[in-house]
């Protein structure tokens, strides 16, 4: 009986450890040239719901660095139906 309770406790600990490891990566908020977004993750990707975007100075005559950051994906507009891909045989 003691072995069964130890195995159950071990299984619960393993379950908690995997649940914590699978959490979505957090977004560190940044703002460059008036554009708000997140820093890239350590593996140079963006969290779910974000895409990479290069952000330049608003005036092309300004000399400044270009920042690569994650910007939130746009939500689909309510008035437009989602785009359907053409079926085979249609152009």
PDB file of N, CA and C in Angstrom:
ATOM      1  N   UNK A   1       0.835  -1.196   0.000  1.00  0.00           N
ATOM      2  CA  UNK A   1       0.000   0.000   0.000  1.00  0.00           C
ATOM      3  C   UNK A   1       0.876   1.254   0.000  1.00  0.00           C
ATOM      4  N   UNK A   2       1.961   1.184   0.732  1.00  0.00           N
ATOM      5  CA  UNK A   2       2.856   2.328   0.799  1.00  0.00           C
ATOM      6  C   UNK A   2       3.497   2.580  -0.572  1.00  0.00           C
ATOM      7  N   UNK A   3       3.815   1.492  -1.284  1.00  0.00           N
ATOM      8  CA  UNK A   3       4.410   1.615  -2.615  1.00  0.00           C
ATOM      9  C   UNK A   3       3.425   2.260  -3.597  1.00  0.00           C
ATOM     10  N   UNK A   4       2.154   1.901  -3.490  1.00  0.00           N
ATOM     11  CA  UNK A   4       1.137   2.460  -4.381  1.00  0.00           C
ATOM     12  C   UNK A   4       0.976   3.966  -4.148  1.00  0.00           C
ATOM     13  N   UNK A   5       1.006   4.398  -2.888  1.00  0.00           N
ATOM     14  CA  UNK A   5       0.855   5.825  -2.606  1.00  0.00           C
ATOM     15  C   UNK A   5       2.094   6.597  -3.071  1.00  0.00           C
ATOM     16  N   UNK A   6       3.266   5.987  -2.969  1.00  0.00           N
ATOM     17  CA  UNK A   6       4.486   6.637  -3.439  1.00  0.00           C
ATOM     18  C   UNK A   6       4.458   6.765  -4.971  1.00  0.00           C
ATOM     19  N   UNK A   7       3.989   5.733  -5.639  1.00  0.00           N
ATOM     20  CA  UNK A   7       3.891   5.783  -7.100  1.00  0.00           C
ATOM     21  C   UNK A   7       2.885   6.851  -7.530  1.00  0.00           C
ATOM     22  N   UNK A   8       1.788   6.968  -6.807  1.00  0.00           N
ATOM     23  CA  UNK A   8       0.788   7.990  -7.113  1.00  0.00           C
ATOM     24  C   UNK A   8       1.345   9.394  -6.920  1.00  0.00           C
ATOM     25  N   UNK A   9       2.085   9.591  -5.850  1.00  0.00           N
ATOM     26  CA  UNK A   9       2.685  10.901  -5.594  1.00  0.00           C
ATOM     27  C   UNK A   9       3.713  11.235  -6.671  1.00  0.00           C
ATOM     28  N   UNK A  10       4.490  10.250  -7.080  1.00  0.00           N
ATOM     29  CA  UNK A  10       5.486  10.466  -8.128  1.00  0.00           C
ATOM     30  C   UNK A  10       4.801  10.826  -9.445  1.00  0.00           C
ATOM     31  N   UNK A  11       3.729  10.127  -9.782  1.00  0.00           N
ATOM     32  CA  UNK A  11       2.998  10.404 -11.014  1.00  0.00           C
ATOM     33  C   UNK A  11       2.406  11.820 -10.985  1.00  0.00           C
ATOM     34  N   UNK A  12       1.896  12.241  -9.830  1.00  0.00           N
ATOM     35  CA  UNK A  12       1.341  13.586  -9.704  1.00  0.00           C
ATOM     36  C   UNK A  12       2.424  14.644  -9.890  1.00  0.00           C
ATOM     37  N   UNK A  13       3.601  14.409  -9.321  1.00  0.00           N
ATOM     38  CA  UNK A  13       4.707  15.358  -9.485  1.00  0.00           C
ATOM     39  C   UNK A  13       5.138  15.455 -10.945  1.00  0.00           C
ATOM     40  N   UNK A  14       5.195  14.331 -11.630  1.00  0.00           N
ATOM     41  CA  UNK A  14       5.593  14.328 -13.034  1.00  0.00           C
ATOM     42  C   UNK A  14       4.545  15.055 -13.887  1.00  0.00           C
ATOM     43  N   UNK A  15       3.292  14.864 -13.566  1.00  0.00           N
ATOM     44  CA  UNK A  15       2.222  15.526 -14.300  1.00  0.00           C
ATOM     45  C   UNK A  15       2.310  17.041 -14.127  1.00  0.00           C
ATOM     46  N   UNK A  16       2.557  17.502 -12.915  1.00  0.00           N
ATOM     47  CA  UNK A  16       2.696  18.929 -12.655  1.00  0.00           C
ATOM     48  C   UNK A  16       3.915  19.500 -13.372  1.00  0.00           C
ATOM     49  N   UNK A  17       5.002  18.760 -13.382  1.00  0.00           N
ATOM     50  CA  UNK A  17       6.226  19.243 -14.039  1.00  0.00           C
ATOM     51  C   UNK A  17       6.008  19.413 -15.538  1.00  0.00           C
ATOM     52  N   UNK A  18       5.310  18.493 -16.170  1.00  0.00           N
ATOM     53  CA  UNK A  18       5.075  18.618 -17.612  1.00  0.00           C
ATOM     54  C   UNK A  18       4.067  19.722 -17.905  1.00  0.00           C
ATOM     55  N   UNK A  19       3.112  19.940 -17.025  1.00  0.00           N
ATOM     56  CA  UNK A  19       2.124  20.998 -17.241  1.00  0.00           C
ATOM     57  C   UNK A  19       2.795  22.362 -17.168  1.00  0.00           C
ATOM     58  N   UNK A  20       3.719  22.550 -16.245  1.00  0.00           N
ATOM     59  CA  UNK A  20       4.415  23.822 -16.109  1.00  0.00           C
ATOM     60  C   UNK A  20       5.332  24.051 -17.305  1.00  0.00           C
ATOM     61  N   UNK A  21       5.970  23.011 -17.802  1.00  0.00           N
ATOM     62  CA  UNK A  21       6.902  23.148 -18.915  1.00  0.00           C
ATOM     63  C   UNK A  21       6.194  23.501 -20.220  1.00  0.00           C
ATOM     64  N   UNK A  22       4.904  23.224 -20.362  1.00  0.00           N
ATOM     65  CA  UNK A  22       4.198  23.459 -21.606  1.00  0.00           C
ATOM     66  C   UNK A  22       3.441  24.779 -21.631  1.00  0.00           C
ATOM     67  N   UNK A  23       3.626  25.628 -20.647  1.00  0.00           N
ATOM     68  CA  UNK A  23       2.951  26.922 -20.636  1.00  0.00           C
ATOM     69  C   UNK A  23       3.445  27.772 -21.800  1.00  0.00           C
ATOM     70  N   UNK A  24       2.585  28.639 -22.290  1.00  0.00           N
ATOM     71  CA  UNK A  24       2.962  29.533 -23.380  1.00  0.00           C
ATOM     72  C   UNK A  24       4.049  30.495 -22.896  1.00  0.00           C
ATOM     73  N   UNK A  25       5.035  30.777 -23.743  1.00  0.00           N
ATOM     74  CA  UNK A  25       6.093  31.700 -23.342  1.00  0.00           C
ATOM     75  C   UNK A  25       5.522  33.100 -23.124  1.00  0.00           C
ATOM     76  N   UNK A  26       6.111  33.803 -22.187  1.00  0.00           N
ATOM     77  CA  UNK A  26       5.589  35.126 -21.861  1.00  0.00           C
ATOM     78  C   UNK A  26       6.092  36.157 -22.863  1.00  0.00           C
ATOM     79  N   UNK A  27       5.396  37.246 -22.907  1.00  0.00           N
ATOM     80  CA  UNK A  27       5.692  38.334 -23.837  1.00  0.00           C
ATOM     81  C   UNK A  27       6.303  39.485 -23.039  1.00  0.00           C
ATOM     82  N   UNK A  28       7.569  39.825 -23.346  1.00  0.00           N
ATOM     83  CA  UNK A  28       8.200  40.987 -22.720  1.00  0.00           C
ATOM     84  C   UNK A  28       7.895  42.197 -23.587  1.00  0.00           C
ATOM     85  N   UNK A  29       7.074  43.090 -23.068  1.00  0.00           N
ATOM     86  CA  UNK A  29       6.598  44.237 -23.846  1.00  0.00           C
ATOM     87  C   UNK A  29       7.743  45.196 -24.182  1.00  0.00           C
ATOM     88  N   UNK A  30       7.789  45.631 -25.446  1.00  0.00           N
ATOM     89  CA  UNK A  30       8.745  46.638 -25.901  1.00  0.00           C
ATOM     90  C   UNK A  30       8.013  47.601 -26.831  1.00  0.00           C
ATOM     91  N   UNK A  31       8.600  48.786 -27.004  1.00  0.00           N
ATOM     92  CA  UNK A  31       8.038  49.771 -27.921  1.00  0.00           C
ATOM     93  C   UNK A  31       9.198  50.468 -28.619  1.00  0.00           C
ATOM     94  N   UNK A  32       9.175  50.453 -29.954  1.00  0.00           N
ATOM     95  CA  UNK A  32      10.184  51.136 -30.756  1.00  0.00           C
ATOM     96  C   UNK A  32       9.471  51.957 -31.813  1.00  0.00           C
ATOM     97  N   UNK A  33       9.816  53.249 -31.908  1.00  0.00           N
ATOM     98  CA  UNK A  33       9.255  54.163 -32.904  1.00  0.00           C
ATOM     99  C   UNK A  33       7.731  54.157 -32.887  1.00  0.00           C
ATOM    100  N   UNK A  34       7.128  54.014 -31.724  1.00  0.00           N
ATOM    101  CA  UNK A  34       5.679  54.056 -31.583  1.00  0.00           C
ATOM    102  C   UNK A  34       4.974  52.735 -31.866  1.00  0.00           C
ATOM    103  N   UNK A  35       5.710  51.682 -32.191  1.00  0.00           N
ATOM    104  CA  UNK A  35       5.114  50.369 -32.442  1.00  0.00           C
ATOM    105  C   UNK A  35       5.268  49.531 -31.179  1.00  0.00           C
ATOM    106  N   UNK A  36       4.140  49.022 -30.669  1.00  0.00           N
ATOM    107  CA  UNK A  36       4.160  48.217 -29.457  1.00  0.00           C
ATOM    108  C   UNK A  36       4.156  46.739 -29.820  1.00  0.00           C
ATOM    109  N   UNK A  37       4.927  45.962 -29.078  1.00  0.00           N
ATOM    110  CA  UNK A  37       4.991  44.529 -29.329  1.00  0.00           C
ATOM    111  C   UNK A  37       5.773  43.827 -28.249  1.00  0.00           C
ATOM    112  N   UNK A  38       6.384  42.683 -28.622  1.00  0.00           N
ATOM    113  CA  UNK A  38       7.142  41.860 -27.688  1.00  0.00           C
ATOM    114  C   UNK A  38       8.547  41.643 -28.211  1.00  0.00           C
ATOM    115  N   UNK A  39       9.444  41.306 -27.292  1.00  0.00           N
ATOM    116  CA  UNK A  39      10.780  40.888 -27.698  1.00  0.00           C
ATOM    117  C   UNK A  39      10.705  39.489 -28.287  1.00  0.00           C
ATOM    118  N   UNK A  40      11.650  39.183 -29.171  1.00  0.00           N
ATOM    119  CA  UNK A  40      11.736  37.831 -29.704  1.00  0.00           C
ATOM    120  C   UNK A  40      12.088  36.873 -28.570  1.00  0.00           C
ATOM    121  N   UNK A  41      11.625  35.638 -28.681  1.00  0.00           N
ATOM    122  CA  UNK A  41      11.978  34.620 -27.700  1.00  0.00           C
ATOM    123  C   UNK A  41      13.438  34.219 -27.909  1.00  0.00           C
ATOM    124  N   UNK A  42      14.055  33.535 -26.953  1.00  0.00           N
ATOM    125  CA  UNK A  42      15.464  33.152 -27.098  1.00  0.00           C
ATOM    126  C   UNK A  42      15.767  32.337 -28.356  1.00  0.00           C
ATOM    127  N   UNK A  43      14.791  31.584 -28.867  1.00  0.00           N
ATOM    128  CA  UNK A  43      15.029  30.803 -30.081  1.00  0.00           C
ATOM    129  C   UNK A  43      14.676  31.595 -31.345  1.00  0.00           C
ATOM    130  N   UNK A  44      14.561  32.930 -31.222  1.00  0.00           N
ATOM    131  CA  UNK A  44      14.304  33.855 -32.332  1.00  0.00           C
ATOM    132  C   UNK A  44      12.954  33.631 -33.003  1.00  0.00           C
ATOM    133  N   UNK A  45      11.965  33.175 -32.258  1.00  0.00           N
ATOM    134  CA  UNK A  45      10.607  33.031 -32.757  1.00  0.00           C
ATOM    135  C   UNK A  45       9.699  33.936 -31.935  1.00  0.00           C
ATOM    136  N   UNK A  46       8.437  33.996 -32.328  1.00  0.00           N
ATOM    137  CA  UNK A  46       7.456  34.806 -31.614  1.00  0.00           C
ATOM    138  C   UNK A  46       6.466  33.908 -30.877  1.00  0.00           C
ATOM    139  N   UNK A  47       5.892  34.407 -29.768  1.00  0.00           N
ATOM    140  CA  UNK A  47       4.860  33.629 -29.070  1.00  0.00           C
ATOM    141  C   UNK A  47       3.641  33.452 -29.965  1.00  0.00           C
ATOM    142  N   UNK A  48       2.788  32.483 -29.649  1.00  0.00           N
ATOM    143  CA  UNK A  48       1.558  32.304 -30.442  1.00  0.00           C
ATOM    144  C   UNK A  48       0.718  33.577 -30.439  1.00  0.00           C
ATOM    145  N   UNK A  49       0.176  33.911 -31.594  1.00  0.00           N
ATOM    146  CA  UNK A  49      -0.632  35.132 -31.722  1.00  0.00           C
ATOM    147  C   UNK A  49       0.175  36.341 -32.131  1.00  0.00           C
ATOM    148  N   UNK A  50       1.476  36.167 -32.381  1.00  0.00           N
ATOM    149  CA  UNK A  50       2.360  37.264 -32.788  1.00  0.00           C
ATOM    150  C   UNK A  50       3.134  36.850 -34.032  1.00  0.00           C
ATOM    151  N   UNK A  51       3.592  37.843 -34.797  1.00  0.00           N
ATOM    152  CA  UNK A  51       4.447  37.582 -35.951  1.00  0.00           C
ATOM    153  C   UNK A  51       5.619  38.556 -35.928  1.00  0.00           C
ATOM    154  N   UNK A  52       6.705  38.199 -36.623  1.00  0.00           N
ATOM    155  CA  UNK A  52       7.892  39.057 -36.674  1.00  0.00           C
ATOM    156  C   UNK A  52       7.640  40.247 -37.585  1.00  0.00           C
ATOM    157  N   UNK A  53       8.204  41.376 -37.178  1.00  0.00           N
ATOM    158  CA  UNK A  53       8.113  42.572 -38.002  1.00  0.00           C
ATOM    159  C   UNK A  53       9.361  43.412 -37.775  1.00  0.00           C
ATOM    160  N   UNK A  54       9.929  43.916 -38.864  1.00  0.00           N
ATOM    161  CA  UNK A  54      11.051  44.847 -38.782  1.00  0.00           C
ATOM    162  C   UNK A  54      10.480  46.249 -38.617  1.00  0.00           C
ATOM    163  N   UNK A  55      10.954  46.975 -37.619  1.00  0.00           N
ATOM    164  CA  UNK A  55      10.438  48.314 -37.326  1.00  0.00           C
ATOM    165  C   UNK A  55      11.545  49.322 -37.601  1.00  0.00           C
ATOM    166  N   UNK A  56      11.267  50.251 -38.504  1.00  0.00           N
ATOM    167  CA  UNK A  56      12.216  51.295 -38.907  1.00  0.00           C
ATOM    168  C   UNK A  56      11.765  52.640 -38.363  1.00  0.00           C
ATOM    169  N   UNK A  57      12.643  53.648 -38.395  1.00  0.00           N
ATOM    170  CA  UNK A  57      12.220  54.997 -37.998  1.00  0.00           C
ATOM    171  C   UNK A  57      11.073  55.475 -38.885  1.00  0.00           C
ATOM    172  N   UNK A  58      10.159  56.282 -38.350  1.00  0.00           N
ATOM    173  CA  UNK A  58       9.003  56.727 -39.130  1.00  0.00           C
ATOM    174  C   UNK A  58       9.381  57.634 -40.301  1.00  0.00           C
ATOM    175  N   UNK A  59      10.467  58.359 -40.196  1.00  0.00           N
ATOM    176  CA  UNK A  59      10.912  59.256 -41.259  1.00  0.00           C
ATOM    177  C   UNK A  59      12.124  58.602 -41.937  1.00  0.00           C
ATOM    178  N   UNK A  60      12.070  58.353 -43.241  1.00  0.00           N
ATOM    179  CA  UNK A  60      13.198  57.703 -43.912  1.00  0.00           C
ATOM    180  C   UNK A  60      14.491  58.515 -43.865  1.00  0.00           C
ATOM    181  N   UNK A  61      14.401  59.823 -43.589  1.00  0.00           N
ATOM    182  CA  UNK A  61      15.601  60.652 -43.499  1.00  0.00           C
ATOM    183  C   UNK A  61      16.309  60.478 -42.157  1.00  0.00           C
ATOM    184  N   UNK A  62      15.625  59.855 -41.188  1.00  0.00           N
ATOM    185  CA  UNK A  62      16.247  59.624 -39.876  1.00  0.00           C
ATOM    186  C   UNK A  62      17.205  58.447 -39.976  1.00  0.00           C
ATOM    187  N   UNK A  63      18.346  58.599 -39.367  1.00  0.00           N
ATOM    188  CA  UNK A  63      19.292  57.488 -39.292  1.00  0.00           C
ATOM    189  C   UNK A  63      19.062  56.813 -37.945  1.00  0.00           C
ATOM    190  N   UNK A  64      18.646  55.583 -37.973  1.00  0.00           N
ATOM    191  CA  UNK A  64      18.401  54.856 -36.732  1.00  0.00           C
ATOM    192  C   UNK A  64      18.410  53.375 -37.002  1.00  0.00           C
ATOM    193  N   UNK A  65      18.550  52.596 -35.968  1.00  0.00           N
ATOM    194  CA  UNK A  65      18.587  51.139 -36.160  1.00  0.00           C
ATOM    195  C   UNK A  65      17.204  50.576 -36.493  1.00  0.00           C
ATOM    196  N   UNK A  66      17.203  49.444 -37.156  1.00  0.00           N
ATOM    197  CA  UNK A  66      15.981  48.700 -37.414  1.00  0.00           C
ATOM    198  C   UNK A  66      15.843  47.651 -36.325  1.00  0.00           C
ATOM    199  N   UNK A  67      14.683  47.557 -35.719  1.00  0.00           N
ATOM    200  CA  UNK A  67      14.430  46.595 -34.650  1.00  0.00           C
ATOM    201  C   UNK A  67      13.551  45.477 -35.166  1.00  0.00           C
ATOM    202  N   UNK A  68      13.909  44.238 -34.861  1.00  0.00           N
ATOM    203  CA  UNK A  68      13.082  43.085 -35.182  1.00  0.00           C
ATOM    204  C   UNK A  68      12.317  42.718 -33.915  1.00  0.00           C
ATOM    205  N   UNK A  69      10.999  42.751 -33.996  1.00  0.00           N
ATOM    206  CA  UNK A  69      10.173  42.487 -32.824  1.00  0.00           C
ATOM    207  C   UNK A  69       8.931  41.700 -33.218  1.00  0.00           C
ATOM    208  N   UNK A  70       8.219  41.205 -32.227  1.00  0.00           N
ATOM    209  CA  UNK A  70       6.980  40.461 -32.441  1.00  0.00           C
ATOM    210  C   UNK A  70       5.807  41.411 -32.272  1.00  0.00           C
ATOM    211  N   UNK A  71       4.915  41.414 -33.259  1.00  0.00           N
ATOM    212  CA  UNK A  71       3.740  42.281 -33.244  1.00  0.00           C
ATOM    213  C   UNK A  71       2.509  41.384 -33.258  1.00  0.00           C
ATOM    214  N   UNK A  72       1.481  41.780 -32.535  1.00  0.00           N
ATOM    215  CA  UNK A  72       0.258  40.977 -32.438  1.00  0.00           C
ATOM    216  C   UNK A  72      -0.387  40.804 -33.802  1.00  0.00           C
ATOM    217  N   UNK A  73      -0.882  39.584 -34.061  1.00  0.00           N
ATOM    218  CA  UNK A  73      -1.618  39.305 -35.295  1.00  0.00           C
ATOM    219  C   UNK A  73      -2.916  40.091 -35.281  1.00  0.00           C
ATOM    220  N   UNK A  74      -3.342  40.516 -36.452  1.00  0.00           N
ATOM    221  CA  UNK A  74      -4.607  41.255 -36.551  1.00  0.00           C
ATOM    222  C   UNK A  74      -5.766  40.279 -36.469  1.00  0.00           C
ATOM    223  N   UNK A  75      -6.803  40.681 -35.766  1.00  0.00           N
ATOM    224  CA  UNK A  75      -8.022  39.867 -35.685  1.00  0.00           C
ATOM    225  C   UNK A  75      -8.791  40.026 -36.988  1.00  0.00           C
ATOM    226  N   UNK A  76      -9.441  38.964 -37.467  1.00  0.00           N
ATOM    227  CA  UNK A  76     -10.214  39.098 -38.708  1.00  0.00           C
ATOM    228  C   UNK A  76     -11.354  40.090 -38.523  1.00  0.00           C
ATOM    229  N   UNK A  77     -11.628  40.848 -39.576  1.00  0.00           N
ATOM    230  CA  UNK A  77     -12.700  41.840 -39.499  1.00  0.00           C
ATOM    231  C   UNK A  77     -14.048  41.133 -39.393  1.00  0.00           C
ATOM    232  N   UNK A  78     -14.962  41.728 -38.640  1.00  0.00           N
ATOM    233  CA  UNK A  78     -16.258  41.099 -38.403  1.00  0.00           C
ATOM    234  C   UNK A  78     -17.147  41.130 -39.643  1.00  0.00           C
ATOM    235  N   UNK A  79     -17.001  42.141 -40.486  1.00  0.00           N
ATOM    236  CA  UNK A  79     -17.870  42.282 -41.643  1.00  0.00           C
ATOM    237  C   UNK A  79     -17.503  41.366 -42.800  1.00  0.00           C
ATOM    238  N   UNK A  80     -16.295  40.841 -42.824  1.00  0.00           N
ATOM    239  CA  UNK A  80     -15.868  40.016 -43.938  1.00  0.00           C
ATOM    240  C   UNK A  80     -15.870  38.550 -43.549  1.00  0.00           C
ATOM    241  N   UNK A  81     -16.382  37.695 -44.445  1.00  0.00           N
ATOM    242  CA  UNK A  81     -16.305  36.254 -44.160  1.00  0.00           C
ATOM    243  C   UNK A  81     -14.859  35.790 -44.326  1.00  0.00           C
ATOM    244  N   UNK A  82     -14.469  34.702 -43.674  1.00  0.00           N
ATOM    245  CA  UNK A  82     -13.097  34.214 -43.823  1.00  0.00           C
ATOM    246  C   UNK A  82     -12.836  33.783 -45.260  1.00  0.00           C
ATOM    247  N   UNK A  83     -11.599  33.985 -45.696  1.00  0.00           N
ATOM    248  CA  UNK A  83     -11.234  33.620 -47.063  1.00  0.00           C
ATOM    249  C   UNK A  83     -11.186  32.108 -47.184  1.00  0.00           C
ATOM    250  N   UNK A  84     -11.869  31.588 -48.184  1.00  0.00           N
ATOM    251  CA  UNK A  84     -11.860  30.152 -48.440  1.00  0.00           C
ATOM    252  C   UNK A  84     -10.874  29.883 -49.570  1.00  0.00           C
ATOM    253  N   UNK A  85     -10.088  28.831 -49.413  1.00  0.00           N
ATOM    254  CA  UNK A  85      -9.144  28.467 -50.455  1.00  0.00           C
ATOM    255  C   UNK A  85      -9.908  27.857 -51.612  1.00  0.00           C
ATOM    256  N   UNK A  86      -9.474  28.121 -52.863  1.00  0.00           N
ATOM    257  CA  UNK A  86     -10.191  27.549 -54.012  1.00  0.00           C
ATOM    258  C   UNK A  86     -10.119  26.041 -54.010  1.00  0.00           C
ATOM    259  N   UNK A  87     -11.216  25.426 -54.398  1.00  0.00           N
ATOM    260  CA  UNK A  87     -11.274  23.972 -54.462  1.00  0.00           C
ATOM    261  C   UNK A  87     -10.503  23.496 -55.675  1.00  0.00           C
ATOM    262  N   UNK A  88     -10.142  22.224 -55.673  1.00  0.00           N
ATOM    263  CA  UNK A  88      -9.415  21.654 -56.806  1.00  0.00           C
ATOM    264  C   UNK A  88     -10.286  21.769 -58.059  1.00  0.00           C
ATOM    265  N   UNK A  89      -9.669  22.179 -59.146  1.00  0.00           N
ATOM    266  CA  UNK A  89     -10.409  22.327 -60.392  1.00  0.00           C
ATOM    267  C   UNK A  89     -10.901  23.748 -60.618  1.00  0.00           C
ATOM    268  N   UNK A  90     -10.949  24.574 -59.572  1.00  0.00           N
ATOM    269  CA  UNK A  90     -11.359  25.972 -59.712  1.00  0.00           C
ATOM    270  C   UNK A  90     -10.120  26.843 -59.820  1.00  0.00           C
ATOM    271  N   UNK A  91     -10.265  27.979 -60.440  1.00  0.00           N
ATOM    272  CA  UNK A  91      -9.140  28.905 -60.562  1.00  0.00           C
ATOM    273  C   UNK A  91      -9.442  30.188 -59.853  1.00  0.00           C
TER     274      UNK A  91
END
